[in-house]
N, C-alpha and C. Protein backbone atom coordinates (compact mmCIF):
# COMPACT_ATOMS: atom_id res chain seq x y z
N MET A 1 63.03 17.72 -7.78
CA MET A 1 61.96 17.18 -6.88
C MET A 1 60.83 16.99 -7.82
N GLN A 2 60.10 16.34 -7.63
CA GLN A 2 58.93 15.94 -8.59
C GLN A 2 57.52 16.50 -7.52
N PRO A 3 56.54 17.03 -8.09
CA PRO A 3 55.41 17.48 -7.20
C PRO A 3 54.91 16.18 -7.06
N PRO A 4 53.94 16.18 -5.92
CA PRO A 4 53.12 14.88 -5.29
C PRO A 4 52.17 14.81 -6.65
N PRO A 5 51.88 13.22 -6.85
CA PRO A 5 51.02 12.84 -7.80
C PRO A 5 49.54 13.35 -7.47
N ARG A 6 48.70 13.94 -8.33
CA ARG A 6 47.34 14.54 -8.19
C ARG A 6 46.42 13.20 -8.21
N ARG A 7 45.51 13.40 -7.47
CA ARG A 7 44.42 12.39 -7.22
C ARG A 7 43.25 12.77 -8.34
N ALA A 8 42.53 11.56 -8.89
CA ALA A 8 41.61 11.68 -9.83
C ALA A 8 40.48 12.56 -9.27
N GLU A 9 39.59 13.26 -9.94
CA GLU A 9 38.40 13.80 -9.55
C GLU A 9 37.52 12.94 -9.17
N PRO A 10 36.83 13.21 -8.29
CA PRO A 10 35.59 12.15 -7.98
C PRO A 10 34.42 12.29 -9.00
N PRO A 11 33.80 10.99 -9.32
CA PRO A 11 32.98 11.08 -10.49
C PRO A 11 31.64 12.02 -10.47
N ARG A 12 31.34 12.44 -11.51
CA ARG A 12 30.23 13.50 -11.61
C ARG A 12 28.94 12.82 -12.09
N ILE A 13 27.97 13.28 -11.40
CA ILE A 13 26.66 12.99 -11.97
C ILE A 13 26.58 13.56 -13.37
N PRO A 14 26.09 12.85 -14.20
CA PRO A 14 25.92 13.46 -15.73
C PRO A 14 24.60 14.28 -15.52
N PRO A 15 24.50 15.32 -16.32
CA PRO A 15 22.96 16.30 -16.21
C PRO A 15 22.09 15.13 -16.69
N ALA A 16 20.64 15.36 -15.83
CA ALA A 16 19.54 14.67 -16.26
C ALA A 16 19.28 14.98 -17.99
N THR A 17 18.94 13.83 -18.51
CA THR A 17 18.26 14.18 -20.03
C THR A 17 16.67 14.08 -19.84
N ARG A 18 16.01 14.65 -21.00
CA ARG A 18 14.71 14.56 -20.79
C ARG A 18 14.13 13.03 -20.87
N ALA A 19 14.88 12.10 -21.33
CA ALA A 19 14.31 10.90 -21.24
C ALA A 19 14.25 10.25 -19.77
N LEU A 20 15.34 10.59 -19.15
CA LEU A 20 15.40 10.35 -17.38
C LEU A 20 14.55 11.14 -16.86
N GLU A 21 14.20 12.31 -17.12
CA GLU A 21 13.24 13.09 -16.30
C GLU A 21 11.84 12.61 -16.56
N ARG A 22 11.63 12.07 -17.93
CA ARG A 22 10.29 11.50 -18.08
C ARG A 22 10.00 10.06 -17.21
N ALA A 23 10.99 9.42 -17.45
CA ALA A 23 10.82 7.94 -16.56
C ALA A 23 10.75 8.17 -15.14
N ALA A 24 11.36 9.13 -14.68
CA ALA A 24 11.29 9.56 -13.28
C ALA A 24 9.84 10.06 -13.02
N GLU A 25 9.31 10.60 -13.67
CA GLU A 25 7.75 11.28 -13.48
C GLU A 25 6.94 10.03 -13.70
N GLU A 26 7.15 9.18 -14.68
CA GLU A 26 6.01 8.05 -14.94
C GLU A 26 6.37 7.13 -13.71
N ARG A 27 7.29 6.97 -13.05
CA ARG A 27 7.44 6.17 -12.02
C ARG A 27 6.70 6.63 -10.82
N LYS A 28 7.00 8.23 -10.75
CA LYS A 28 6.11 8.68 -9.50
C LYS A 28 4.72 8.66 -9.71
N THR A 29 4.17 8.62 -11.02
CA THR A 29 2.88 8.50 -11.40
C THR A 29 2.55 7.00 -10.91
N TYR A 30 3.19 6.32 -11.37
CA TYR A 30 3.12 4.55 -11.36
C TYR A 30 2.77 4.39 -9.49
N LEU A 31 3.89 4.96 -8.84
CA LEU A 31 3.85 4.48 -7.39
C LEU A 31 2.58 5.44 -6.93
N ARG A 32 2.26 6.37 -7.16
CA ARG A 32 0.87 7.31 -6.57
C ARG A 32 -0.32 6.18 -6.78
N SER A 33 -0.32 5.50 -7.98
CA SER A 33 -1.41 4.69 -8.31
C SER A 33 -1.53 3.53 -7.59
N ARG A 34 -0.14 2.79 -7.54
CA ARG A 34 -0.16 1.77 -6.56
C ARG A 34 -0.66 1.82 -5.25
N GLU A 35 -0.36 3.15 -4.65
CA GLU A 35 -0.61 3.33 -3.17
C GLU A 35 -1.96 3.40 -2.97
N GLY A 36 -2.69 3.92 -3.97
CA GLY A 36 -4.25 3.98 -4.11
C GLY A 36 -4.66 2.60 -4.04
N LEU A 37 -4.08 1.88 -4.84
CA LEU A 37 -4.74 0.42 -4.95
C LEU A 37 -4.38 -0.31 -3.63
N GLU A 38 -3.07 0.05 -3.04
CA GLU A 38 -3.04 -0.82 -1.82
C GLU A 38 -3.77 -0.53 -0.80
N SER A 39 -4.08 0.87 -0.60
CA SER A 39 -4.90 1.26 0.59
C SER A 39 -6.14 0.66 0.27
N ARG A 40 -6.90 0.53 -0.83
CA ARG A 40 -8.10 0.19 -1.00
C ARG A 40 -8.14 -1.38 -0.69
N SER A 41 -6.84 -1.99 -0.86
CA SER A 41 -7.08 -3.49 -0.47
C SER A 41 -6.76 -3.65 0.73
N VAL A 42 -6.08 -2.75 1.59
CA VAL A 42 -6.17 -3.02 3.00
C VAL A 42 -7.42 -2.73 3.64
N VAL A 43 -8.27 -1.72 3.14
CA VAL A 43 -9.61 -1.41 3.65
C VAL A 43 -10.35 -2.81 3.47
N ARG A 44 -10.78 -3.09 2.21
CA ARG A 44 -11.51 -4.50 1.99
C ARG A 44 -11.15 -5.44 2.76
N GLY A 45 -9.88 -5.89 2.84
CA GLY A 45 -9.30 -6.83 3.55
C GLY A 45 -9.66 -6.75 5.24
N LEU A 46 -9.73 -5.55 5.87
CA LEU A 46 -10.03 -5.22 7.09
C LEU A 46 -11.55 -5.49 6.86
N ILE A 47 -12.37 -5.04 6.09
CA ILE A 47 -13.71 -5.12 6.33
C ILE A 47 -14.24 -6.68 6.29
N LEU A 48 -13.70 -7.43 5.35
CA LEU A 48 -13.96 -8.93 5.21
C LEU A 48 -13.44 -9.58 6.45
N LEU A 49 -12.27 -9.31 7.03
CA LEU A 49 -12.06 -10.05 8.39
C LEU A 49 -12.90 -9.66 9.39
N ALA A 50 -13.56 -8.11 9.27
CA ALA A 50 -14.66 -8.14 10.48
C ALA A 50 -15.67 -8.85 10.33
N LEU A 51 -16.17 -9.10 8.92
CA LEU A 51 -17.37 -9.62 8.72
C LEU A 51 -17.13 -11.15 9.08
N LEU A 52 -16.30 -11.72 8.92
CA LEU A 52 -15.91 -13.31 9.11
C LEU A 52 -15.91 -13.39 10.56
N VAL A 53 -15.46 -12.23 11.52
CA VAL A 53 -15.31 -12.48 12.93
C VAL A 53 -16.91 -12.34 13.42
N LEU A 54 -17.68 -11.41 12.61
CA LEU A 54 -19.10 -11.28 13.20
C LEU A 54 -19.87 -12.58 12.77
N ILE A 55 -19.65 -13.16 11.69
CA ILE A 55 -20.35 -14.38 11.41
C ILE A 55 -19.97 -15.51 12.28
N ALA A 56 -18.75 -15.49 12.64
CA ALA A 56 -18.17 -16.71 13.06
C ALA A 56 -18.79 -16.56 14.80
N SER A 57 -18.70 -15.35 15.23
CA SER A 57 -19.32 -15.26 16.75
C SER A 57 -20.85 -15.34 16.87
N MET A 58 -21.60 -15.16 15.54
CA MET A 58 -22.98 -15.38 15.60
C MET A 58 -23.26 -16.85 15.75
N PHE A 59 -22.37 -17.52 14.93
CA PHE A 59 -22.41 -19.07 14.92
C PHE A 59 -22.52 -19.99 16.14
N ARG A 60 -21.04 -19.18 16.62
CA ARG A 60 -20.61 -19.77 18.26
C ARG A 60 -21.80 -19.20 19.31
N ALA A 61 -22.46 -18.10 19.20
CA ALA A 61 -23.65 -17.76 20.10
C ALA A 61 -24.43 -18.59 19.79
N GLY A 62 -25.08 -19.03 18.61
CA GLY A 62 -26.13 -19.73 18.24
C GLY A 62 -27.17 -18.67 17.73
N ILE A 63 -27.63 -19.08 16.50
CA ILE A 63 -28.44 -18.27 15.68
C ILE A 63 -29.76 -18.14 16.41
N GLY A 64 -30.14 -18.96 17.10
CA GLY A 64 -31.59 -18.86 17.98
C GLY A 64 -31.50 -17.63 19.12
N ARG A 65 -30.15 -17.49 19.47
CA ARG A 65 -29.84 -16.50 20.49
C ARG A 65 -29.74 -15.24 19.85
N VAL A 66 -29.11 -15.07 18.47
CA VAL A 66 -28.86 -13.91 17.90
C VAL A 66 -30.15 -13.33 17.39
N PHE A 67 -30.67 -14.13 16.61
CA PHE A 67 -31.91 -13.84 15.84
C PHE A 67 -33.38 -14.51 16.77
N VAL A 68 -33.53 -13.88 17.88
CA VAL A 68 -34.80 -14.29 18.54
C VAL A 68 -36.07 -14.11 17.71
N PRO A 69 -37.11 -14.67 17.97
CA PRO A 69 -38.35 -14.84 17.29
C PRO A 69 -38.87 -13.32 17.42
N GLY A 70 -39.07 -12.59 16.36
CA GLY A 70 -39.69 -11.11 16.27
C GLY A 70 -38.84 -10.11 16.10
N TRP A 71 -37.47 -10.61 15.91
CA TRP A 71 -36.47 -9.53 15.95
C TRP A 71 -36.60 -8.43 14.75
N TRP A 72 -37.35 -8.97 13.70
CA TRP A 72 -37.57 -8.02 12.45
C TRP A 72 -38.52 -6.96 12.95
N ARG A 73 -39.34 -7.12 13.87
CA ARG A 73 -40.28 -6.12 14.14
C ARG A 73 -39.98 -5.05 15.15
N LEU A 74 -38.63 -4.98 15.30
CA LEU A 74 -38.03 -4.06 16.37
C LEU A 74 -38.16 -2.49 15.94
């Protein structure tokens, strides 16, 4: 009688090399810098959108009603 066939071992992850660790660290640094750029871009976009809405509403209301004579002396 023969013993049952053995199954192959599951694949093992090879140990990390210095180059792999360095690449992972560079990727983390890159992603952190991109997050900072993205958040600044979002803030700039929201400010620009708010200014456009403000200017459009001022023109819709009429410049004469927004800037009444003597408004700068308040």
